[in-house]
Amino acid sequence: MRFALALIAFAALAFAQPRSIVETAVATPQLSTLVSVLTLPAYAPVLNLLSGNGPFTVFAPNNAAFQQANIDPNQVALVTAVLQYHVLAGRVLSTDLAPGANIATTLLNNPAYVNLGNGVNAKVNAIRSGNNVQLSWSVPAGTFLANVVAANVICTNGVVHIIDRVMFFPDDVPTTATNGGLTTLVEAVVLANLANAVTNTPALTIFGPTNAAFSNVNWRGLTPAQLVSVLTYHVVPAVVYSTQLSNGQRAPTLNGQQLVVNIVGSSVGLSDTNGRALATVALPNVLTKNGVVHVIDRVMVPPQLEKIQLNATSF
């Protein structure tokens, strides 16, 4: 009942005299914790920005979200980055989003927290299903997913959407992979001495096999050079989200070989340039600090190692 009344009260703002984003937040009891942070002297730059002409889109965490996140306002650099990650340039209504994934650019561009190359700002994935919108900044589930609980309050300098979690922006690849259950991938990357490269190289797309995919192959039987060859076949030196894929598209990998994208309906598969089927994308758009991971269902073997039957009994 309290939730319903809060939504009604917030929706009523849409029919009142339009306010600025900051004025709207101040007038909304659900956002009092956000306002208390924004009005601290240390966060004057963010407050001044949101008081400007815009337009901006603000995903505003409610009081319960801040309580759950246990934000410490004394960590000014971190919290400033968190606040910037909740803001998009331009006005984006929920009805402007396409069904499924929408990769949106936030105002966060601090290199301590985003490494997408050439000053590219951090991304957030706005996932629309019917009238519902969820926001993903890592594995699109559980604690890495925020729900829009009140949408499309028009302000004089943009629009506000209330969400039920604080978004802490994408983490590095090893942490994200571990959080997503890709622990064998992390083990293989460490064994191949590639952990530093996948963590610190800007703008990478990684096709990450599941633990089950690794369990179906004897990857530990590979030589160090072969393991590096296999793993770099899973890495594209550019950020490519699912929304940018097209049927027949070719993607050069760090291995030196190319992958070919095969789209049939909603299914995305990968093959080599000879038409050999390699894997299917099981979970797209797991955002990372320096790019994106697409989870796949098989370990892909590059053409130069095709003669090696990489199955559980081949060694």
Protein backbone atom coordinates (compact mmCIF):
# COMPACT_ATOMS: atom_id res chain seq x y z
CA MET A 1 0.00 0.00 0.00
CA ARG A 2 2.81 2.41 0.89
CA PHE A 3 4.53 1.60 -2.42
CA ALA A 4 1.34 2.23 -4.39
CA LEU A 5 0.75 5.55 -2.65
CA ALA A 6 4.34 6.59 -3.30
CA LEU A 7 3.96 5.83 -7.00
CA ILE A 8 0.71 7.78 -7.16
CA ALA A 9 2.33 10.75 -5.41
CA PHE A 10 5.32 10.64 -7.74
CA ALA A 11 3.16 10.27 -10.85
CA ALA A 12 1.16 13.29 -9.76
CA LEU A 13 4.29 15.39 -10.27
CA ALA A 14 3.94 14.80 -14.01
CA PHE A 15 0.69 16.77 -13.99
CA ALA A 16 1.97 19.59 -11.79
CA GLN A 17 3.89 22.61 -12.99
CA PRO A 18 7.12 21.21 -14.46
CA ARG A 19 10.14 21.46 -12.20
CA SER A 20 13.83 21.03 -12.84
CA ILE A 21 15.46 17.68 -12.10
CA VAL A 22 16.80 18.96 -8.78
CA GLU A 23 13.48 20.56 -7.82
CA THR A 24 11.69 17.32 -8.67
CA ALA A 25 14.07 15.32 -6.48
CA VAL A 26 13.64 17.75 -3.57
CA ALA A 27 9.85 17.49 -3.89
CA THR A 28 9.89 13.66 -3.89
CA PRO A 29 10.09 12.00 -0.44
CA GLN A 30 11.40 8.77 -1.99
CA LEU A 31 14.53 10.64 -3.11
CA SER A 32 15.43 12.40 0.14
CA THR A 33 18.66 10.41 0.59
CA LEU A 34 19.79 11.24 -2.94
CA VAL A 35 19.05 14.91 -2.24
CA SER A 36 20.98 14.77 1.04
CA VAL A 37 24.06 13.56 -0.85
CA LEU A 38 23.72 15.97 -3.77
CA THR A 39 23.41 18.97 -1.48
CA LEU A 40 26.64 18.23 0.39
CA PRO A 41 29.34 20.83 -0.52
CA ALA A 42 31.62 18.12 -1.95
CA TYR A 43 29.01 17.28 -4.60
CA ALA A 44 28.33 20.83 -5.77
CA PRO A 45 29.69 20.06 -9.28
CA VAL A 46 27.12 17.29 -9.77
CA LEU A 47 24.32 19.40 -8.28
CA ASN A 48 25.23 22.35 -10.51
CA LEU A 49 25.31 20.09 -13.55
CA LEU A 50 21.84 18.72 -12.86
CA SER A 51 20.60 22.26 -12.30
CA GLY A 52 21.79 23.27 -15.76
CA ASN A 53 19.94 23.39 -19.06
CA GLY A 54 20.50 19.75 -19.99
CA PRO A 55 18.56 17.92 -21.10
CA PHE A 56 19.53 14.97 -18.90
CA THR A 57 18.07 11.59 -18.05
CA VAL A 58 18.52 10.70 -14.38
CA PHE A 59 18.07 7.21 -12.96
CA ALA A 60 17.43 8.21 -9.37
CA PRO A 61 17.92 5.54 -6.66
CA ASN A 62 15.23 5.65 -4.01
CA ASN A 63 15.90 5.80 -0.27
CA ALA A 64 15.76 2.02 0.14
CA ALA A 65 18.35 1.63 -2.63
CA PHE A 66 20.76 3.98 -0.85
CA GLN A 67 20.23 2.19 2.45
CA GLN A 68 20.96 -1.16 0.82
CA ALA A 69 24.07 0.18 -0.93
CA ASN A 70 25.48 1.65 2.28
CA ILE A 71 26.97 4.63 0.43
CA ASP A 72 29.67 6.57 2.30
CA PRO A 73 29.52 10.23 1.18
CA ASN A 74 33.06 10.74 2.51
CA GLN A 75 34.34 8.73 -0.46
CA VAL A 76 33.87 11.71 -2.73
CA ALA A 77 35.64 10.43 -5.86
CA LEU A 78 33.83 7.09 -5.78
CA VAL A 79 30.40 8.52 -5.01
CA THR A 80 30.81 11.26 -7.63
CA ALA A 81 31.53 8.53 -10.18
CA VAL A 82 28.47 6.59 -8.98
CA LEU A 83 26.26 9.68 -9.36
CA GLN A 84 27.63 10.41 -12.84
CA TYR A 85 26.90 6.81 -13.82
CA HIS A 86 23.21 7.44 -13.13
CA VAL A 87 22.96 10.30 -15.65
CA LEU A 88 22.63 10.25 -19.44
CA ALA A 89 23.02 13.21 -21.73
CA GLY A 90 19.70 13.89 -23.47
CA ARG A 91 16.14 13.02 -22.55
CA VAL A 92 15.33 9.31 -22.81
CA LEU A 93 11.81 8.14 -22.00
CA SER A 94 11.05 4.49 -21.37
CA THR A 95 8.98 4.53 -24.56
CA ASP A 96 12.06 5.61 -26.52
CA LEU A 97 13.78 2.32 -25.73
CA ALA A 98 13.69 -0.56 -28.18
CA PRO A 99 12.57 -3.97 -26.89
CA GLY A 100 15.52 -5.83 -25.38
CA ALA A 101 18.96 -4.30 -24.91
CA ASN A 102 19.68 -0.58 -25.22
CA ILE A 103 23.30 0.37 -24.58
CA ALA A 104 23.23 3.92 -23.22
CA THR A 105 26.12 6.31 -22.61
CA THR A 106 26.41 7.77 -19.11
CA LEU A 107 28.25 10.88 -17.96
CA LEU A 108 30.93 8.83 -16.19
CA ASN A 109 34.28 9.28 -17.93
CA ASN A 110 36.76 9.18 -15.03
CA PRO A 111 39.60 6.89 -16.23
CA ALA A 112 39.90 5.45 -12.74
CA TYR A 113 36.49 3.83 -13.29
CA VAL A 114 36.10 3.40 -17.06
CA ASN A 115 38.64 2.22 -19.64
CA LEU A 116 36.80 2.03 -22.95
CA GLY A 117 39.47 3.98 -24.83
CA ASN A 118 39.77 7.51 -26.22
CA GLY A 119 37.76 9.09 -23.41
CA VAL A 120 34.67 6.99 -24.15
CA ASN A 121 32.13 7.25 -21.33
CA ALA A 122 30.86 4.28 -19.32
CA LYS A 123 27.80 2.44 -20.60
CA VAL A 124 24.68 1.05 -18.96
CA ASN A 125 22.31 -1.48 -20.50
CA ALA A 126 18.65 -0.44 -20.36
CA ILE A 127 16.62 -3.58 -20.99
CA ARG A 128 13.01 -3.05 -22.00
CA SER A 129 10.40 -5.81 -21.76
CA GLY A 130 6.94 -4.49 -22.52
CA ASN A 131 6.36 -1.57 -20.17
CA ASN A 132 9.08 -2.70 -17.76
CA VAL A 133 12.64 -1.39 -17.82
CA GLN A 134 15.63 -2.83 -15.99
CA LEU A 135 19.17 -1.50 -15.89
CA SER A 136 22.20 -3.78 -16.05
CA TRP A 137 25.81 -2.78 -15.42
CA SER A 138 27.36 -6.24 -15.06
CA VAL A 139 25.77 -9.69 -15.09
CA PRO A 140 22.13 -8.88 -15.92
CA ALA A 141 20.67 -10.58 -12.86
CA GLY A 142 20.46 -10.39 -9.09
CA THR A 143 22.37 -7.60 -7.39
CA PHE A 144 23.57 -6.24 -10.74
CA LEU A 145 20.11 -5.36 -11.99
CA ALA A 146 18.00 -2.32 -11.08
CA ASN A 147 14.29 -1.97 -11.76
CA VAL A 148 12.69 1.27 -12.88
CA VAL A 149 9.87 1.58 -10.35
CA ALA A 150 8.55 4.96 -11.52
CA ALA A 151 9.27 6.25 -15.01
CA ASN A 152 9.01 9.29 -17.24
CA VAL A 153 8.59 12.25 -14.92
CA ILE A 154 9.20 15.14 -17.28
CA CYS A 155 11.32 17.99 -15.92
CA THR A 156 12.19 21.35 -17.45
CA ASN A 157 15.73 20.10 -18.10
CA GLY A 158 15.15 16.41 -18.74
CA VAL A 159 13.44 13.38 -17.23
CA VAL A 160 13.71 11.35 -14.02
CA HIS A 161 13.21 7.60 -13.56
CA ILE A 162 13.23 6.20 -10.01
CA ILE A 163 15.14 2.91 -9.60
CA ASP A 164 15.41 0.43 -6.74
CA ARG A 165 19.20 -0.08 -6.66
CA VAL A 166 22.29 2.06 -6.70
CA MET A 167 24.38 1.19 -9.76
CA PHE A 168 28.10 0.85 -9.07
CA PHE A 169 29.23 0.82 -12.73
CA PRO A 170 31.06 -2.05 -14.49
CA ASP A 171 34.01 -3.78 -12.79
CA ASP A 172 37.17 -5.27 -14.31
CA VAL A 173 37.03 -8.46 -16.36
CA PRO A 174 38.26 -10.97 -13.73
CA THR A 175 35.86 -9.64 -11.10
CA THR A 176 32.95 -9.53 -13.54
CA ALA A 177 33.69 -13.03 -14.83
CA THR A 178 33.91 -14.39 -11.30
CA ASN A 179 30.62 -12.71 -10.35
CA GLY A 180 29.07 -14.27 -13.44
CA GLY A 181 30.23 -17.78 -12.61
CA LEU A 182 32.92 -17.92 -15.32
CA THR A 183 35.53 -19.11 -12.83
CA THR A 184 37.21 -21.58 -15.19
CA LEU A 185 37.70 -18.83 -17.75
CA VAL A 186 39.44 -16.75 -15.07
CA GLU A 187 41.59 -19.75 -14.14
CA ALA A 188 42.61 -20.28 -17.77
CA VAL A 189 43.38 -16.58 -18.28
CA VAL A 190 45.60 -16.56 -15.18
CA LEU A 191 47.36 -19.76 -16.25
CA ALA A 192 48.08 -18.21 -19.67
CA ASN A 193 49.46 -15.03 -18.03
CA LEU A 194 46.80 -12.94 -19.75
CA ALA A 195 45.09 -11.54 -16.64
CA ASN A 196 46.88 -8.20 -16.79
CA ALA A 197 46.10 -7.83 -20.50
CA VAL A 198 42.35 -8.49 -20.18
CA THR A 199 42.17 -6.23 -17.13
CA ASN A 200 44.06 -3.20 -18.41
CA THR A 201 43.74 -3.20 -22.20
CA PRO A 202 41.09 -0.66 -23.23
CA ALA A 203 38.12 -1.52 -25.42
CA LEU A 204 37.86 -5.33 -25.50
CA THR A 205 35.04 -7.69 -26.42
CA ILE A 206 35.46 -11.12 -24.84
CA PHE A 207 33.47 -14.20 -25.78
CA GLY A 208 33.57 -16.05 -22.47
CA PRO A 209 32.86 -19.80 -22.36
CA THR A 210 30.87 -21.10 -19.42
CA ASN A 211 32.36 -23.47 -16.87
CA ALA A 212 30.35 -26.28 -18.49
CA ALA A 213 31.93 -25.43 -21.86
CA PHE A 214 35.41 -25.71 -20.36
CA SER A 215 34.51 -28.98 -18.63
CA ASN A 216 33.78 -30.50 -22.03
CA VAL A 217 37.32 -29.92 -23.31
CA ASN A 218 40.76 -30.85 -22.05
CA TRP A 219 42.11 -27.32 -22.12
CA ARG A 220 44.65 -28.12 -19.41
CA GLY A 221 46.28 -30.51 -21.86
CA LEU A 222 47.23 -27.67 -24.21
CA THR A 223 50.73 -26.29 -24.32
CA PRO A 224 51.12 -22.72 -23.00
CA ALA A 225 51.34 -21.40 -26.56
CA GLN A 226 48.25 -23.34 -27.62
CA LEU A 227 46.29 -22.08 -24.61
CA VAL A 228 47.19 -18.48 -25.47
CA SER A 229 46.14 -19.12 -29.07
CA VAL A 230 42.76 -20.48 -27.97
CA LEU A 231 42.06 -17.71 -25.45
CA THR A 232 43.05 -14.85 -27.77
CA TYR A 233 40.67 -16.36 -30.34
CA HIS A 234 37.93 -15.34 -27.90
CA VAL A 235 38.97 -11.67 -27.74
CA VAL A 236 38.12 -8.87 -30.20
CA PRO A 237 40.13 -5.63 -29.83
CA ALA A 238 37.06 -3.39 -30.04
CA VAL A 239 33.86 -3.03 -28.05
CA VAL A 240 30.94 -4.66 -29.85
CA TYR A 241 27.58 -4.88 -28.07
CA SER A 242 24.81 -7.23 -29.20
CA THR A 243 22.93 -4.22 -30.58
CA GLN A 244 25.81 -3.65 -33.03
CA LEU A 245 25.94 -7.19 -34.42
CA SER A 246 24.70 -8.05 -37.90
CA ASN A 247 24.41 -11.31 -39.78
CA GLY A 248 27.61 -12.16 -41.64
CA GLN A 249 29.63 -9.57 -39.73
CA ARG A 250 33.32 -10.41 -39.35
CA ALA A 251 35.25 -9.66 -36.19
CA PRO A 252 39.06 -9.83 -36.11
CA THR A 253 40.42 -11.46 -32.95
CA LEU A 254 43.70 -11.01 -31.07
CA ASN A 255 44.59 -14.46 -32.38
CA GLY A 256 44.87 -13.01 -35.88
CA GLN A 257 41.88 -14.99 -37.16
CA GLN A 258 38.37 -13.71 -37.76
CA LEU A 259 35.05 -14.76 -36.28
CA VAL A 260 31.84 -14.62 -38.31
CA VAL A 261 28.53 -13.66 -36.70
CA ASN A 262 25.50 -15.77 -37.65
CA ILE A 263 22.09 -14.43 -36.58
CA VAL A 264 18.98 -16.59 -36.91
CA GLY A 265 15.95 -15.06 -35.25
CA SER A 266 17.02 -14.17 -31.72
CA SER A 267 19.93 -16.63 -31.73
CA VAL A 268 23.50 -15.39 -32.26
CA GLY A 269 26.10 -17.92 -33.31
CA LEU A 270 29.79 -17.70 -34.15
CA SER A 271 31.66 -19.53 -36.88
CA ASP A 272 35.08 -19.33 -38.50
CA THR A 273 35.63 -17.98 -42.01
CA ASN A 274 35.31 -21.52 -43.42
CA GLY A 275 31.79 -21.85 -42.07
CA ARG A 276 32.74 -24.13 -39.16
CA ALA A 277 30.23 -23.57 -36.35
CA LEU A 278 32.02 -22.62 -33.13
CA ALA A 279 29.62 -21.46 -30.41
CA THR A 280 26.31 -19.80 -29.56
CA VAL A 281 25.94 -16.69 -27.42
CA ALA A 282 24.13 -17.74 -24.24
CA LEU A 283 24.17 -14.37 -22.44
CA PRO A 284 25.04 -11.10 -24.21
CA ASN A 285 26.17 -7.70 -22.92
CA VAL A 286 27.85 -8.38 -19.61
CA LEU A 287 29.44 -4.95 -19.24
CA THR A 288 32.98 -4.54 -17.92
CA LYS A 289 35.20 -1.59 -17.07
CA ASN A 290 37.05 -1.95 -20.36
CA GLY A 291 34.44 -3.46 -22.64
CA VAL A 292 31.91 -6.26 -22.75
CA VAL A 293 31.70 -10.03 -22.26
CA HIS A 294 29.31 -12.20 -24.25
CA VAL A 295 28.93 -15.58 -22.57
CA ILE A 296 29.10 -18.51 -25.02
CA ASP A 297 28.33 -22.20 -24.72
CA ARG A 298 31.51 -23.71 -26.19
CA VAL A 299 35.27 -23.20 -26.16
CA MET A 300 36.25 -22.07 -29.66
CA VAL A 301 39.29 -23.64 -31.32
CA PRO A 302 41.06 -21.45 -33.91
CA PRO A 303 41.63 -22.84 -37.41
CA GLN A 304 45.37 -23.31 -36.87
CA LEU A 305 44.58 -25.75 -34.05
CA GLU A 306 41.60 -27.38 -35.74
CA LYS A 307 43.46 -30.69 -36.13
CA ILE A 308 43.68 -30.93 -32.36
CA GLN A 309 40.55 -32.71 -31.22
CA LEU A 310 40.04 -30.64 -28.09
CA ASN A 311 37.67 -32.95 -26.26
CA ALA A 312 37.87 -34.47 -22.83
CA THR A 313 39.63 -37.62 -24.02
CA SER A 314 41.96 -36.21 -26.70
CA PHE A 315 45.11 -36.10 -24.53
